[in-house]
Structure formats: structure tokens, C-alpha cells
N, C-alpha and C. Protein backbone atom coordinates (compact mmCIF):
# COMPACT_ATOMS: atom_id res chain seq x y z
N UNK A 1 0.84 -1.18 0.00
CA UNK A 1 0.00 0.00 0.00
C UNK A 1 0.89 1.24 0.00
N UNK A 2 0.56 2.18 -0.87
CA UNK A 2 1.35 3.40 -0.99
C UNK A 2 1.06 4.34 0.18
N UNK A 3 2.09 5.01 0.60
CA UNK A 3 1.93 5.97 1.69
C UNK A 3 1.24 7.25 1.22
N UNK A 4 1.50 7.62 -0.02
CA UNK A 4 0.92 8.85 -0.56
C UNK A 4 0.11 8.54 -1.80
N UNK A 5 -1.04 9.12 -1.89
CA UNK A 5 -1.90 8.93 -3.04
C UNK A 5 -1.37 9.77 -4.20
N UNK A 6 -1.21 9.17 -5.36
CA UNK A 6 -0.77 9.90 -6.54
C UNK A 6 -1.93 10.74 -7.04
N UNK A 7 -1.71 12.05 -7.10
CA UNK A 7 -2.78 12.95 -7.51
C UNK A 7 -2.36 13.72 -8.75
N UNK A 8 -3.34 14.10 -9.54
CA UNK A 8 -3.10 14.96 -10.68
C UNK A 8 -3.73 16.31 -10.37
N UNK A 9 -3.34 17.32 -11.10
CA UNK A 9 -3.84 18.66 -10.87
C UNK A 9 -4.91 18.97 -11.89
N UNK A 10 -5.95 19.65 -11.50
CA UNK A 10 -7.03 20.01 -12.40
C UNK A 10 -8.34 19.53 -11.85
N UNK A 11 -9.39 19.82 -12.60
CA UNK A 11 -10.72 19.39 -12.16
C UNK A 11 -11.59 19.05 -13.35
N UNK A 12 -12.59 18.24 -13.16
CA UNK A 12 -13.50 17.92 -14.25
C UNK A 12 -14.12 19.19 -14.83
N UNK A 13 -14.39 19.16 -16.11
CA UNK A 13 -14.91 20.33 -16.80
C UNK A 13 -13.81 21.10 -17.50
N UNK A 14 -12.57 20.79 -17.17
CA UNK A 14 -11.43 21.36 -17.88
C UNK A 14 -10.96 20.31 -18.89
N UNK A 15 -10.51 20.77 -20.03
CA UNK A 15 -10.10 19.88 -21.09
C UNK A 15 -8.59 19.95 -21.29
N UNK A 16 -7.99 18.81 -21.60
CA UNK A 16 -6.55 18.70 -21.78
C UNK A 16 -6.26 17.92 -23.05
N UNK A 17 -5.07 18.11 -23.59
CA UNK A 17 -4.59 17.29 -24.69
C UNK A 17 -3.42 16.48 -24.17
N UNK A 18 -3.52 15.16 -24.20
CA UNK A 18 -2.47 14.28 -23.71
C UNK A 18 -1.45 14.06 -24.83
N UNK A 19 -0.21 14.44 -24.56
CA UNK A 19 0.87 14.30 -25.54
C UNK A 19 1.29 12.84 -25.71
N UNK A 20 1.15 12.04 -24.68
CA UNK A 20 1.55 10.64 -24.74
C UNK A 20 0.54 9.80 -25.54
N UNK A 21 -0.75 10.00 -25.26
CA UNK A 21 -1.78 9.19 -25.91
C UNK A 21 -2.38 9.86 -27.14
N UNK A 22 -2.01 11.14 -27.38
CA UNK A 22 -2.49 11.90 -28.55
C UNK A 22 -4.01 11.96 -28.58
N UNK A 23 -4.60 12.32 -27.41
CA UNK A 23 -6.06 12.40 -27.34
C UNK A 23 -6.49 13.49 -26.37
N UNK A 24 -7.73 13.91 -26.53
CA UNK A 24 -8.34 14.91 -25.65
C UNK A 24 -8.90 14.20 -24.43
N UNK A 25 -8.69 14.81 -23.25
CA UNK A 25 -9.19 14.23 -22.00
C UNK A 25 -9.95 15.29 -21.22
N UNK A 26 -11.03 14.88 -20.59
CA UNK A 26 -11.73 15.78 -19.69
C UNK A 26 -11.22 15.53 -18.29
N UNK A 27 -10.83 16.61 -17.64
CA UNK A 27 -10.23 16.45 -16.32
C UNK A 27 -8.85 15.85 -16.46
N UNK A 28 -8.10 15.83 -15.41
CA UNK A 28 -6.75 15.31 -15.50
C UNK A 28 -6.71 13.79 -15.45
N UNK A 29 -6.35 13.17 -16.54
CA UNK A 29 -6.19 11.72 -16.55
C UNK A 29 -4.72 11.33 -16.54
N UNK A 30 -3.90 12.11 -17.22
CA UNK A 30 -2.47 11.81 -17.31
C UNK A 30 -1.68 12.85 -16.51
N UNK A 31 -0.42 12.54 -16.18
CA UNK A 31 0.40 13.49 -15.43
C UNK A 31 0.58 14.81 -16.20
N UNK A 32 0.78 15.88 -15.46
CA UNK A 32 0.90 17.22 -16.05
C UNK A 32 2.03 17.29 -17.06
N UNK A 33 3.10 16.55 -16.85
CA UNK A 33 4.23 16.60 -17.78
C UNK A 33 3.87 16.06 -19.16
N UNK A 34 2.76 15.34 -19.28
CA UNK A 34 2.34 14.74 -20.54
C UNK A 34 1.14 15.41 -21.17
N UNK A 35 0.80 16.62 -20.74
CA UNK A 35 -0.43 17.21 -21.31
C UNK A 35 -0.31 18.71 -21.47
N UNK A 36 -1.11 19.23 -22.39
CA UNK A 36 -1.31 20.66 -22.58
C UNK A 36 -2.67 20.99 -22.00
N UNK A 37 -2.81 22.16 -21.42
CA UNK A 37 -4.10 22.58 -20.91
C UNK A 37 -3.97 23.19 -19.54
N UNK A 38 -5.05 23.58 -18.94
CA UNK A 38 -6.43 23.27 -19.33
C UNK A 38 -6.96 24.21 -20.41
N UNK A 39 -7.92 23.71 -21.14
CA UNK A 39 -8.64 24.47 -22.15
C UNK A 39 -10.10 24.56 -21.71
N UNK A 40 -10.78 25.60 -22.16
CA UNK A 40 -12.17 25.82 -21.77
C UNK A 40 -13.13 24.85 -22.47
N UNK A 41 -12.76 24.42 -23.68
CA UNK A 41 -13.65 23.54 -24.43
C UNK A 41 -12.89 22.34 -25.01
N UNK A 42 -13.64 21.32 -25.35
CA UNK A 42 -13.06 20.14 -26.00
C UNK A 42 -12.43 20.52 -27.34
N UNK A 43 -13.08 21.41 -28.06
CA UNK A 43 -12.60 21.86 -29.37
C UNK A 43 -11.22 22.53 -29.25
N UNK A 44 -11.04 23.39 -28.26
CA UNK A 44 -9.74 24.04 -28.05
C UNK A 44 -8.66 23.01 -27.75
N UNK A 45 -8.98 22.04 -26.92
CA UNK A 45 -8.02 20.99 -26.58
C UNK A 45 -7.66 20.15 -27.81
N UNK A 46 -8.63 19.91 -28.67
CA UNK A 46 -8.39 19.11 -29.87
C UNK A 46 -7.41 19.80 -30.81
N UNK A 47 -7.33 21.12 -30.74
CA UNK A 47 -6.43 21.89 -31.61
C UNK A 47 -5.15 22.31 -30.87
N UNK A 48 -4.83 21.66 -29.78
CA UNK A 48 -3.69 22.06 -28.95
C UNK A 48 -2.36 22.03 -29.71
N UNK A 49 -2.13 21.01 -30.49
CA UNK A 49 -0.87 20.91 -31.22
C UNK A 49 -0.77 22.00 -32.29
N UNK A 50 -1.86 22.28 -32.96
CA UNK A 50 -1.89 23.35 -33.96
C UNK A 50 -1.63 24.71 -33.29
N UNK A 51 -2.26 24.93 -32.15
CA UNK A 51 -2.05 26.17 -31.41
C UNK A 51 -0.59 26.30 -30.99
N UNK A 52 0.01 25.22 -30.53
CA UNK A 52 1.41 25.24 -30.11
C UNK A 52 2.32 25.56 -31.30
N UNK A 53 2.06 24.96 -32.47
CA UNK A 53 2.86 25.24 -33.66
C UNK A 53 2.77 26.71 -34.04
N UNK A 54 1.55 27.26 -34.01
CA UNK A 54 1.35 28.67 -34.35
C UNK A 54 2.10 29.58 -33.38
N UNK A 55 2.01 29.29 -32.10
CA UNK A 55 2.70 30.11 -31.09
C UNK A 55 4.22 30.00 -31.23
N UNK A 56 4.72 28.81 -31.53
CA UNK A 56 6.16 28.65 -31.73
C UNK A 56 6.63 29.45 -32.93
N UNK A 57 5.87 29.42 -34.01
CA UNK A 57 6.22 30.18 -35.21
C UNK A 57 6.22 31.67 -34.91
N UNK A 58 5.21 32.14 -34.20
CA UNK A 58 5.16 33.56 -33.83
C UNK A 58 6.39 33.94 -33.01
N UNK A 59 6.77 33.10 -32.06
CA UNK A 59 7.93 33.39 -31.23
C UNK A 59 9.21 33.40 -32.06
N UNK A 60 9.36 32.41 -32.94
CA UNK A 60 10.57 32.31 -33.75
C UNK A 60 10.74 33.48 -34.70
N UNK A 61 9.65 34.09 -35.12
CA UNK A 61 9.73 35.20 -36.08
C UNK A 61 9.50 36.56 -35.44
N UNK A 62 9.36 36.62 -34.14
CA UNK A 62 9.12 37.89 -33.44
C UNK A 62 10.45 38.61 -33.22
N UNK A 63 10.63 39.78 -33.84
CA UNK A 63 11.91 40.49 -33.70
C UNK A 63 12.20 40.96 -32.27
N UNK A 64 11.19 41.08 -31.43
CA UNK A 64 11.41 41.50 -30.05
C UNK A 64 12.19 40.44 -29.26
N UNK A 65 12.13 39.19 -29.70
CA UNK A 65 12.77 38.10 -28.96
C UNK A 65 14.14 37.74 -29.50
N UNK A 66 14.56 38.38 -30.57
CA UNK A 66 15.84 38.03 -31.19
C UNK A 66 16.69 39.26 -31.39
N UNK A 67 17.94 39.16 -31.01
CA UNK A 67 18.90 40.23 -31.24
C UNK A 67 19.39 40.15 -32.68
N UNK A 68 19.98 41.22 -33.15
CA UNK A 68 20.58 41.21 -34.48
C UNK A 68 21.66 40.14 -34.56
N UNK A 69 22.33 39.89 -33.46
CA UNK A 69 23.40 38.89 -33.44
C UNK A 69 22.88 37.47 -33.71
N UNK A 70 21.60 37.24 -33.49
CA UNK A 70 21.02 35.92 -33.77
C UNK A 70 20.96 35.65 -35.26
N UNK A 71 20.79 36.69 -36.06
CA UNK A 71 20.64 36.51 -37.50
C UNK A 71 21.95 36.73 -38.23
N UNK A 72 22.91 37.42 -37.62
CA UNK A 72 24.20 37.66 -38.26
C UNK A 72 25.16 36.56 -37.87
N UNK A 73 26.00 36.17 -38.81
CA UNK A 73 27.00 35.16 -38.51
C UNK A 73 28.23 35.82 -37.94
N UNK A 74 28.86 35.16 -37.02
CA UNK A 74 30.12 35.64 -36.48
C UNK A 74 31.19 35.49 -37.56
N UNK A 75 32.23 36.34 -37.56
CA UNK A 75 33.28 36.26 -38.60
C UNK A 75 33.88 34.87 -38.75
N UNK A 76 34.09 34.16 -37.64
CA UNK A 76 34.68 32.83 -37.75
C UNK A 76 33.74 31.79 -38.36
N UNK A 77 32.43 32.11 -38.44
CA UNK A 77 31.45 31.18 -39.01
C UNK A 77 31.29 31.38 -40.52
N UNK A 78 31.87 32.42 -41.05
CA UNK A 78 31.69 32.72 -42.50
C UNK A 78 32.59 31.91 -43.37
């Protein structure tokens, strides 16, 4: 018998996308390290990977997050 009960964070009515099982879950079924969320609706959770790709692309192309040195090559790299 375990001394501590394994608990997940979240509550029913919140939607998550499980990265391990590649499926939408209501409430926390899998550990937090394996999921995106919470989302307000099942539909939002179903598009979690698409949303993540869009946000990553926005970050990668946002000039506020990159110095000029990120795009310029150092002399020894030329």
C-alpha cells in the first residue's frame, strides 16, 4: 500500500490534450508533464498541437525576442 496517493492537478470540466496518448481528455487523466491545458472547451483541446505550432512560429519570427546577433553570422562562421 502506498503511503501517498498519486494525484493529478485540475478538475472535471477542464479539457486537456495528452501528448503521450495523442487524445483529448476531460479532467486530468495523465500526469501534467504529458499534457497541454487546461482548455475551456473540448474543441480548443483538440487543436492544442496546432495552437502550439502557431505560437512557436510567432515566437521564432518575433523580432522582439531576437537580437541582431542571432541573425548575423560571427566572422569565424563565415
